[in-house]
Amino acid sequence: MTASELIVTKKLTKQYPIGGNFFTALREVDLCIDQCEFTGIVGPSGSGKTTLLNIIGALDAPTNGNAKVLGSEIGKMNHVEAAKLRNQYLGFIFQTYNLLPVYNVFENVEFPLLLQHIESSKRVDMVNKALEWVGLSEKAKSKPAQLSGGESQRVAIARAIVKQPKIVLADEPTANLDAQNSHHILKTMVTLNEELGTTFVFSTHDEKVISYLRRKIKLSDGEIVDDTIVN
């Protein structure tokens, strides 16, 4: 694994028990993603996109083979080590927003910074900057119940990027956004990728997202069937 290689998988296989049998979600996936890439794992529902993203994000472990993220082998990590990797270096955007309903927008975005014990004044600056990136500065004091679906997703995106992580993993990040909001958010992500060197890995079948990708990795039945660099 070279310095520029952030994510490397070799013969990565994931199986889930179903009754007395197994469902194979990933089949010997070999993959390498370098620093500063803007990459999408694309394919139909059930192709293994989310499973692959979850393993890269240390939310799941391989059945066979291995996955290394920032030099750490996912399958050998305990819960504390996996949590530390996620907290320090990874940002997540899920299909469901996973916002904390008792906290306002500012507090939801601030939460990852509290886990890193960043001082208060710096947290305020970082949160305000993240809300400005996604166009929600005026909603800082609103609770999640007061937001539209699109606004909630934009808060989730701000929370993912607030700590300026090395890698952002985005599972269908535009699923609940209209076209205008989708393009605004995607352009913001492109800017972060170019200016901060943040690596983005998407799981998507949304053509709006796919049109922004610089690399498309196509999955079908748990296998990579195409890997294309987009000019």
C-alpha atoms as a PDB file:
ATOM      1  CA  MET A   1       0.000   0.000   0.000  1.00  0.00           C
ATOM      2  CA  THR A   2       1.663   3.238  -1.164  1.00  0.00           C
ATOM      3  CA  ALA A   3       1.299   6.654   0.489  1.00  0.00           C
ATOM      4  CA  SER A   4      -1.229   7.752  -2.124  1.00  0.00           C
ATOM      5  CA  GLU A   5      -3.365   4.602  -1.776  1.00  0.00           C
ATOM      6  CA  LEU A   6      -6.063   5.327   0.820  1.00  0.00           C
ATOM      7  CA  ILE A   7      -8.271   2.294   0.203  1.00  0.00           C
ATOM      8  CA  VAL A   8      -7.108  -1.147  -0.962  1.00  0.00           C
ATOM      9  CA  THR A   9      -9.138  -4.355  -1.071  1.00  0.00           C
ATOM     10  CA  LYS A  10      -7.890  -7.786  -2.124  1.00  0.00           C
ATOM     11  CA  LYS A  11     -10.236 -10.695  -2.845  1.00  0.00           C
ATOM     12  CA  LEU A  12     -12.761  -8.971  -0.565  1.00  0.00           C
ATOM     13  CA  THR A  13     -15.729 -11.259   0.027  1.00  0.00           C
ATOM     14  CA  LYS A  14     -18.791 -10.691   2.193  1.00  0.00           C
ATOM     15  CA  GLN A  15     -21.420 -13.319   2.924  1.00  0.00           C
ATOM     16  CA  TYR A  16     -24.544 -13.140   5.063  1.00  0.00           C
ATOM     17  CA  PRO A  17     -26.247 -16.237   6.514  1.00  0.00           C
ATOM     18  CA  ILE A  18     -29.789 -16.803   5.258  1.00  0.00           C
ATOM     19  CA  GLY A  19     -31.486 -19.836   6.758  1.00  0.00           C
ATOM     20  CA  GLY A  20     -29.057 -22.696   6.280  1.00  0.00           C
ATOM     21  CA  ASN A  21     -27.307 -21.035   3.347  1.00  0.00           C
ATOM     22  CA  PHE A  22     -25.307 -17.885   2.601  1.00  0.00           C
ATOM     23  CA  PHE A  23     -25.962 -14.852   0.439  1.00  0.00           C
ATOM     24  CA  THR A  24     -22.779 -13.536  -1.168  1.00  0.00           C
ATOM     25  CA  ALA A  25     -22.931  -9.741  -1.349  1.00  0.00           C
ATOM     26  CA  LEU A  26     -19.317  -9.238  -2.512  1.00  0.00           C
ATOM     27  CA  ARG A  27     -17.185 -11.683  -4.498  1.00  0.00           C
ATOM     28  CA  GLU A  28     -13.383 -11.339  -4.371  1.00  0.00           C
ATOM     29  CA  VAL A  29     -13.353  -7.602  -5.013  1.00  0.00           C
ATOM     30  CA  ASP A  30      -9.922  -6.132  -5.838  1.00  0.00           C
ATOM     31  CA  LEU A  31      -9.918  -2.355  -5.631  1.00  0.00           C
ATOM     32  CA  CYS A  32      -7.553   0.563  -5.072  1.00  0.00           C
ATOM     33  CA  ILE A  33      -8.628   4.165  -4.469  1.00  0.00           C
ATOM     34  CA  ASP A  34      -5.987   6.875  -4.269  1.00  0.00           C
ATOM     35  CA  GLN A  35      -5.861  10.173  -2.439  1.00  0.00           C
ATOM     36  CA  CYS A  36      -7.985  12.989  -3.942  1.00  0.00           C
ATOM     37  CA  GLU A  37     -10.153  10.702  -6.071  1.00  0.00           C
ATOM     38  CA  PHE A  38     -13.808  11.546  -6.791  1.00  0.00           C
ATOM     39  CA  THR A  39     -15.116   8.032  -7.316  1.00  0.00           C
ATOM     40  CA  GLY A  40     -18.483   6.327  -7.527  1.00  0.00           C
ATOM     41  CA  ILE A  41     -19.429   2.715  -6.943  1.00  0.00           C
ATOM     42  CA  VAL A  42     -22.345   2.358  -9.334  1.00  0.00           C
ATOM     43  CA  GLY A  43     -24.812  -0.384 -10.152  1.00  0.00           C
ATOM     44  CA  PRO A  44     -28.396  -1.487  -9.533  1.00  0.00           C
ATOM     45  CA  SER A  45     -29.937  -2.155  -6.132  1.00  0.00           C
ATOM     46  CA  GLY A  46     -28.573  -5.382  -4.664  1.00  0.00           C
ATOM     47  CA  SER A  47     -25.270  -5.194  -6.535  1.00  0.00           C
ATOM     48  CA  GLY A  48     -23.213  -4.800  -3.332  1.00  0.00           C
ATOM     49  CA  LYS A  49     -22.563  -1.043  -3.392  1.00  0.00           C
ATOM     50  CA  THR A  50     -23.644  -0.288   0.169  1.00  0.00           C
ATOM     51  CA  THR A  51     -21.955  -3.419   1.534  1.00  0.00           C
ATOM     52  CA  LEU A  52     -18.648  -2.342   0.001  1.00  0.00           C
ATOM     53  CA  LEU A  53     -19.051   1.187   1.346  1.00  0.00           C
ATOM     54  CA  ASN A  54     -19.840  -0.140   4.852  1.00  0.00           C
ATOM     55  CA  ILE A  55     -16.693  -2.276   4.912  1.00  0.00           C
ATOM     56  CA  ILE A  56     -14.529   0.608   3.695  1.00  0.00           C
ATOM     57  CA  GLY A  57     -16.093   2.700   6.469  1.00  0.00           C
ATOM     58  CA  ALA A  58     -15.317   0.099   9.174  1.00  0.00           C
ATOM     59  CA  LEU A  59     -19.038  -0.384   9.802  1.00  0.00           C
ATOM     60  CA  ASP A  60     -18.825  -4.027   8.705  1.00  0.00           C
ATOM     61  CA  ALA A  61     -16.064  -6.605   8.320  1.00  0.00           C
ATOM     62  CA  PRO A  62     -15.094  -8.921   5.465  1.00  0.00           C
ATOM     63  CA  THR A  63     -15.945 -12.605   5.523  1.00  0.00           C
ATOM     64  CA  ASN A  64     -12.823 -13.393   3.491  1.00  0.00           C
ATOM     65  CA  GLY A  65     -10.072 -11.376   1.845  1.00  0.00           C
ATOM     66  CA  ASN A  66      -9.097  -8.029   3.294  1.00  0.00           C
ATOM     67  CA  ALA A  67      -9.679  -4.307   3.123  1.00  0.00           C
ATOM     68  CA  LYS A  68      -7.135  -1.693   4.194  1.00  0.00           C
ATOM     69  CA  VAL A  69      -8.149   1.904   4.815  1.00  0.00           C
ATOM     70  CA  LEU A  70      -5.400   4.425   5.566  1.00  0.00           C
ATOM     71  CA  GLY A  71      -3.112   1.481   6.268  1.00  0.00           C
ATOM     72  CA  SER A  72      -5.415  -0.193   8.820  1.00  0.00           C
ATOM     73  CA  GLU A  73      -6.830  -3.635   8.042  1.00  0.00           C
ATOM     74  CA  ILE A  74     -10.572  -3.499   8.693  1.00  0.00           C
ATOM     75  CA  GLY A  75     -11.033  -7.192   9.464  1.00  0.00           C
ATOM     76  CA  LYS A  76      -8.457  -7.092  12.269  1.00  0.00           C
ATOM     77  CA  MET A  77      -9.790  -4.011  14.057  1.00  0.00           C
ATOM     78  CA  ASN A  78     -11.715  -4.168  17.319  1.00  0.00           C
ATOM     79  CA  HIS A  79     -14.680  -1.881  17.976  1.00  0.00           C
ATOM     80  CA  VAL A  80     -12.551   0.799  19.653  1.00  0.00           C
ATOM     81  CA  GLU A  81     -10.019   0.900  16.810  1.00  0.00           C
ATOM     82  CA  ALA A  82     -12.789   1.030  14.178  1.00  0.00           C
ATOM     83  CA  ALA A  83     -14.514   3.875  16.018  1.00  0.00           C
ATOM     84  CA  LYS A  84     -11.230   5.803  16.221  1.00  0.00           C
ATOM     85  CA  LEU A  85     -10.661   5.425  12.471  1.00  0.00           C
ATOM     86  CA  ARG A  86     -14.181   6.676  11.712  1.00  0.00           C
ATOM     87  CA  ASN A  87     -13.981   9.531  14.191  1.00  0.00           C
ATOM     88  CA  GLN A  88     -10.622  10.888  13.063  1.00  0.00           C
ATOM     89  CA  TYR A  89     -10.495  10.297   9.329  1.00  0.00           C
ATOM     90  CA  LEU A  90     -13.882   9.410   7.809  1.00  0.00           C
ATOM     91  CA  GLY A  91     -17.068  11.316   7.066  1.00  0.00           C
ATOM     92  CA  PHE A  92     -20.362   9.548   6.325  1.00  0.00           C
ATOM     93  CA  ILE A  93     -23.453  10.576   4.377  1.00  0.00           C
ATOM     94  CA  PHE A  94     -26.292   8.041   4.546  1.00  0.00           C
ATOM     95  CA  GLN A  95     -29.564   7.701   2.653  1.00  0.00           C
ATOM     96  CA  THR A  96     -31.327   8.290   5.973  1.00  0.00           C
ATOM     97  CA  TYR A  97     -30.187  11.510   7.610  1.00  0.00           C
ATOM     98  CA  ASN A  98     -29.529  10.074  11.102  1.00  0.00           C
ATOM     99  CA  LEU A  99     -29.907  13.531  12.652  1.00  0.00           C
ATOM    100  CA  LEU A 100     -30.350  13.782  16.411  1.00  0.00           C
ATOM    101  CA  PRO A 101     -33.891  15.157  16.868  1.00  0.00           C
ATOM    102  CA  VAL A 102     -33.311  16.838  20.250  1.00  0.00           C
ATOM    103  CA  TYR A 103     -30.427  18.932  18.884  1.00  0.00           C
ATOM    104  CA  ASN A 104     -30.638  21.870  16.506  1.00  0.00           C
ATOM    105  CA  VAL A 105     -28.826  22.050  13.178  1.00  0.00           C
ATOM    106  CA  PHE A 106     -25.710  23.684  14.634  1.00  0.00           C
ATOM    107  CA  GLU A 107     -25.452  21.046  17.379  1.00  0.00           C
ATOM    108  CA  ASN A 108     -25.947  18.171  14.939  1.00  0.00           C
ATOM    109  CA  VAL A 109     -23.101  19.416  12.756  1.00  0.00           C
ATOM    110  CA  GLU A 110     -20.946  20.121  15.807  1.00  0.00           C
ATOM    111  CA  PHE A 111     -21.294  16.596  17.225  1.00  0.00           C
ATOM    112  CA  PRO A 112     -18.285  14.992  15.422  1.00  0.00           C
ATOM    113  CA  LEU A 113     -16.073  17.832  16.659  1.00  0.00           C
ATOM    114  CA  LEU A 114     -17.114  17.195  20.266  1.00  0.00           C
ATOM    115  CA  LEU A 115     -15.929  13.606  19.885  1.00  0.00           C
ATOM    116  CA  GLN A 116     -12.542  14.985  18.825  1.00  0.00           C
ATOM    117  CA  HIS A 117     -12.392  17.336  21.844  1.00  0.00           C
ATOM    118  CA  ILE A 118     -11.815  20.400  19.662  1.00  0.00           C
ATOM    119  CA  GLU A 119     -11.928  23.679  21.603  1.00  0.00           C
ATOM    120  CA  SER A 120     -15.161  25.671  21.573  1.00  0.00           C
ATOM    121  CA  SER A 121     -14.116  28.711  19.530  1.00  0.00           C
ATOM    122  CA  LYS A 122     -12.613  26.554  16.799  1.00  0.00           C
ATOM    123  CA  ARG A 123     -15.748  24.354  16.744  1.00  0.00           C
ATOM    124  CA  VAL A 124     -17.947  27.399  16.169  1.00  0.00           C
ATOM    125  CA  ASP A 125     -15.840  28.517  13.199  1.00  0.00           C
ATOM    126  CA  MET A 126     -15.776  25.021  11.684  1.00  0.00           C
ATOM    127  CA  VAL A 127     -19.537  24.496  12.047  1.00  0.00           C
ATOM    128  CA  ASN A 128     -20.378  27.906  10.600  1.00  0.00           C
ATOM    129  CA  LYS A 129     -18.105  27.228   7.641  1.00  0.00           C
ATOM    130  CA  ALA A 130     -19.707  23.824   6.993  1.00  0.00           C
ATOM    131  CA  LEU A 131     -23.220  25.305   7.139  1.00  0.00           C
ATOM    132  CA  GLU A 132     -22.131  28.015   4.727  1.00  0.00           C
ATOM    133  CA  TRP A 133     -20.801  25.346   2.329  1.00  0.00           C
ATOM    134  CA  VAL A 134     -24.242  23.686   2.156  1.00  0.00           C
ATOM    135  CA  GLY A 135     -26.236  26.939   2.201  1.00  0.00           C
ATOM    136  CA  LEU A 136     -27.913  26.492   5.598  1.00  0.00           C
ATOM    137  CA  SER A 137     -26.418  29.219   7.766  1.00  0.00           C
ATOM    138  CA  GLU A 138     -29.866  30.676   8.446  1.00  0.00           C
ATOM    139  CA  LYS A 139     -31.128  27.308   9.750  1.00  0.00           C
ATOM    140  CA  ALA A 140     -28.495  26.898  12.472  1.00  0.00           C
ATOM    141  CA  LYS A 141     -30.997  27.094  15.342  1.00  0.00           C
ATOM    142  CA  SER A 142     -33.720  24.982  13.708  1.00  0.00           C
ATOM    143  CA  LYS A 143     -34.556  21.469  14.907  1.00  0.00           C
ATOM    144  CA  PRO A 144     -34.611  18.562  12.401  1.00  0.00           C
ATOM    145  CA  ALA A 145     -38.417  18.382  12.619  1.00  0.00           C
ATOM    146  CA  GLN A 146     -38.582  21.915  11.185  1.00  0.00           C
ATOM    147  CA  LEU A 147     -36.559  21.024   8.085  1.00  0.00           C
ATOM    148  CA  SER A 148     -37.553  19.687   4.704  1.00  0.00           C
ATOM    149  CA  GLY A 149     -36.084  16.399   3.513  1.00  0.00           C
ATOM    150  CA  GLY A 150     -33.610  18.217   1.295  1.00  0.00           C
ATOM    151  CA  GLU A 151     -32.519  20.492   4.133  1.00  0.00           C
ATOM    152  CA  SER A 152     -32.062  17.503   6.438  1.00  0.00           C
ATOM    153  CA  GLN A 153     -29.795  15.836   3.914  1.00  0.00           C
ATOM    154  CA  ARG A 154     -27.768  19.015   3.570  1.00  0.00           C
ATOM    155  CA  VAL A 155     -27.306  19.064   7.361  1.00  0.00           C
ATOM    156  CA  ALA A 156     -26.097  15.456   7.166  1.00  0.00           C
ATOM    157  CA  ILE A 157     -23.623  16.474   4.480  1.00  0.00           C
ATOM    158  CA  ALA A 158     -22.384  19.411   6.581  1.00  0.00           C
ATOM    159  CA  ARG A 159     -21.896  17.035   9.518  1.00  0.00           C
ATOM    160  CA  ALA A 160     -19.853  14.694   7.279  1.00  0.00           C
ATOM    161  CA  ILE A 161     -17.520  17.418   6.007  1.00  0.00           C
ATOM    162  CA  VAL A 162     -17.230  19.659   9.091  1.00  0.00           C
ATOM    163  CA  LYS A 163     -14.049  17.989  10.357  1.00  0.00           C
ATOM    164  CA  GLN A 164     -12.562  18.018   6.828  1.00  0.00           C
ATOM    165  CA  PRO A 165     -11.950  14.244   6.850  1.00  0.00           C
ATOM    166  CA  LYS A 166      -9.506  12.454   4.568  1.00  0.00           C
ATOM    167  CA  ILE A 167     -12.324  10.338   3.101  1.00  0.00           C
ATOM    168  CA  VAL A 168     -16.050  10.996   2.723  1.00  0.00           C
ATOM    169  CA  LEU A 169     -18.252   7.954   2.067  1.00  0.00           C
ATOM    170  CA  ALA A 170     -21.607   8.920   0.578  1.00  0.00           C
ATOM    171  CA  ASP A 171     -24.445   6.403   0.181  1.00  0.00           C
ATOM    172  CA  GLU A 172     -26.956   7.885  -2.294  1.00  0.00           C
ATOM    173  CA  PRO A 173     -26.340  11.423  -0.951  1.00  0.00           C
ATOM    174  CA  THR A 174     -28.799  13.104  -3.342  1.00  0.00           C
ATOM    175  CA  ALA A 175     -31.643  10.622  -2.880  1.00  0.00           C
ATOM    176  CA  ASN A 176     -33.864  13.206  -1.158  1.00  0.00           C
ATOM    177  CA  LEU A 177     -32.770  16.317  -3.026  1.00  0.00           C
ATOM    178  CA  ASP A 178     -34.299  18.020  -6.034  1.00  0.00           C
ATOM    179  CA  ALA A 179     -32.119  18.716  -9.071  1.00  0.00           C
ATOM    180  CA  GLN A 180     -31.134  22.240  -8.003  1.00  0.00           C
ATOM    181  CA  ASN A 181     -30.089  21.191  -4.495  1.00  0.00           C
ATOM    182  CA  SER A 182     -28.338  18.105  -5.859  1.00  0.00           C
ATOM    183  CA  HIS A 183     -26.139  20.131  -8.178  1.00  0.00           C
ATOM    184  CA  HIS A 184     -25.387  22.697  -5.459  1.00  0.00           C
ATOM    185  CA  ILE A 185     -24.233  19.964  -3.065  1.00  0.00           C
ATOM    186  CA  LEU A 186     -22.250  18.107  -5.717  1.00  0.00           C
ATOM    187  CA  LYS A 187     -20.446  21.296  -6.746  1.00  0.00           C
ATOM    188  CA  THR A 188     -19.620  21.882  -3.068  1.00  0.00           C
ATOM    189  CA  MET A 189     -18.157  18.385  -2.855  1.00  0.00           C
ATOM    190  CA  VAL A 190     -16.103  18.950  -6.000  1.00  0.00           C
ATOM    191  CA  THR A 191     -14.707  22.149  -4.446  1.00  0.00           C
ATOM    192  CA  LEU A 192     -13.781  20.327  -1.219  1.00  0.00           C
ATOM    193  CA  ASN A 193     -12.169  17.577  -3.263  1.00  0.00           C
ATOM    194  CA  GLU A 194     -10.084  20.058  -5.252  1.00  0.00           C
ATOM    195  CA  GLU A 195      -9.225  22.584  -2.529  1.00  0.00           C
ATOM    196  CA  LEU A 196      -8.827  20.333   0.526  1.00  0.00           C
ATOM    197  CA  GLY A 197      -7.831  17.076  -1.175  1.00  0.00           C
ATOM    198  CA  THR A 198     -10.768  15.226   0.371  1.00  0.00           C
ATOM    199  CA  THR A 199     -11.346  11.834  -1.244  1.00  0.00           C
ATOM    200  CA  PHE A 200     -14.997  11.129  -2.049  1.00  0.00           C
ATOM    201  CA  VAL A 201     -16.421   7.642  -2.612  1.00  0.00           C
ATOM    202  CA  PHE A 202     -20.088   7.464  -3.585  1.00  0.00           C
ATOM    203  CA  SER A 203     -22.509   4.580  -3.720  1.00  0.00           C
ATOM    204  CA  THR A 204     -25.105   5.628  -6.265  1.00  0.00           C
ATOM    205  CA  HIS A 205     -27.270   4.943  -9.263  1.00  0.00           C
ATOM    206  CA  ASP A 206     -28.317   8.611  -9.556  1.00  0.00           C
ATOM    207  CA  GLU A 207     -27.362   9.991 -12.965  1.00  0.00           C
ATOM    208  CA  LYS A 208     -26.888  13.461 -11.448  1.00  0.00           C
ATOM    209  CA  VAL A 209     -24.127  12.121  -9.200  1.00  0.00           C
ATOM    210  CA  ILE A 210     -22.657   9.923 -11.927  1.00  0.00           C
ATOM    211  CA  SER A 211     -22.267  12.958 -14.203  1.00  0.00           C
ATOM    212  CA  TYR A 212     -19.826  14.506 -11.683  1.00  0.00           C
ATOM    213  CA  LEU A 213     -17.672  11.418 -11.100  1.00  0.00           C
ATOM    214  CA  ARG A 214     -14.100  11.191 -12.331  1.00  0.00           C
ATOM    215  CA  ARG A 215     -14.037   7.409 -11.903  1.00  0.00           C
ATOM    216  CA  LYS A 216     -16.888   4.903 -12.152  1.00  0.00           C
ATOM    217  CA  ILE A 217     -16.566   1.450 -10.596  1.00  0.00           C
ATOM    218  CA  LYS A 218     -19.491  -0.696 -11.723  1.00  0.00           C
ATOM    219  CA  LEU A 219     -20.683  -3.564  -9.531  1.00  0.00           C
ATOM    220  CA  SER A 220     -22.960  -6.391 -10.623  1.00  0.00           C
ATOM    221  CA  ASP A 221     -23.890  -9.279  -8.321  1.00  0.00           C
ATOM    222  CA  GLY A 222     -21.061  -8.373  -5.972  1.00  0.00           C
ATOM    223  CA  GLU A 223     -18.327  -8.248  -8.615  1.00  0.00           C
ATOM    224  CA  ILE A 224     -16.543  -5.360 -10.342  1.00  0.00           C
ATOM    225  CA  VAL A 225     -17.501  -5.593 -14.005  1.00  0.00           C
ATOM    226  CA  ASP A 226     -16.117  -2.231 -15.149  1.00  0.00           C
ATOM    227  CA  ASP A 227     -13.717   0.407 -13.822  1.00  0.00           C
ATOM    228  CA  THR A 228     -13.542   3.561 -15.929  1.00  0.00           C
ATOM    229  CA  ILE A 229     -11.659   6.838 -15.553  1.00  0.00           C
ATOM    230  CA  VAL A 230     -13.835   9.726 -16.779  1.00  0.00           C
ATOM    231  CA  ASN A 231     -12.143  12.646 -18.512  1.00  0.00           C
END
